[in-house]
């Protein structure tokens, strides 16, 4: 699964680089990465692969997988939030910092925008300065007869 994420990331960034770099000049805080001159934004992703009774989950960013068990919901993935210690270390070692603007966001002095996730596919300008990653977390779970469904989405309410 890690190799699949690497291939998707490489293709995404290749397509983004084929566009004109003038897009970054048009971007301001809170702006969109989709401008007439180029493509600089990205996305989060969560993938589930079923192999027999093994469920393999891979994610980057804040797309989340939740397993519906007979009387419970179980979070299967971890959101890549910049304030998490491991993520913060990566950001700060690359010269970035965290800024609170509604939530913690990744900031870098050479960029005119901020991100609420520390991992994504795309977001090429952040990748070029090394403050975010496309490396997925990959986990394997054994399914049981009590498991009913898997929900993969973005913008969940918190599950404790």
Foldseek 3Di string as FASTA:
>chain_A
DQVVLVVLLVVQQVQQVVFAPCLQVVDAEPDDQDDPGTHFDFFWDWDWDDDPQKIKIKIFAFWWKWWDFQPDIHTDADHQFCPPPVLVVQQVVLQWHWDDDVATWIGHPVGRYTHRGQETRGNVVCVVSRSHYPRIDMDMDGHDPRTDDMDIGGDDDDDD
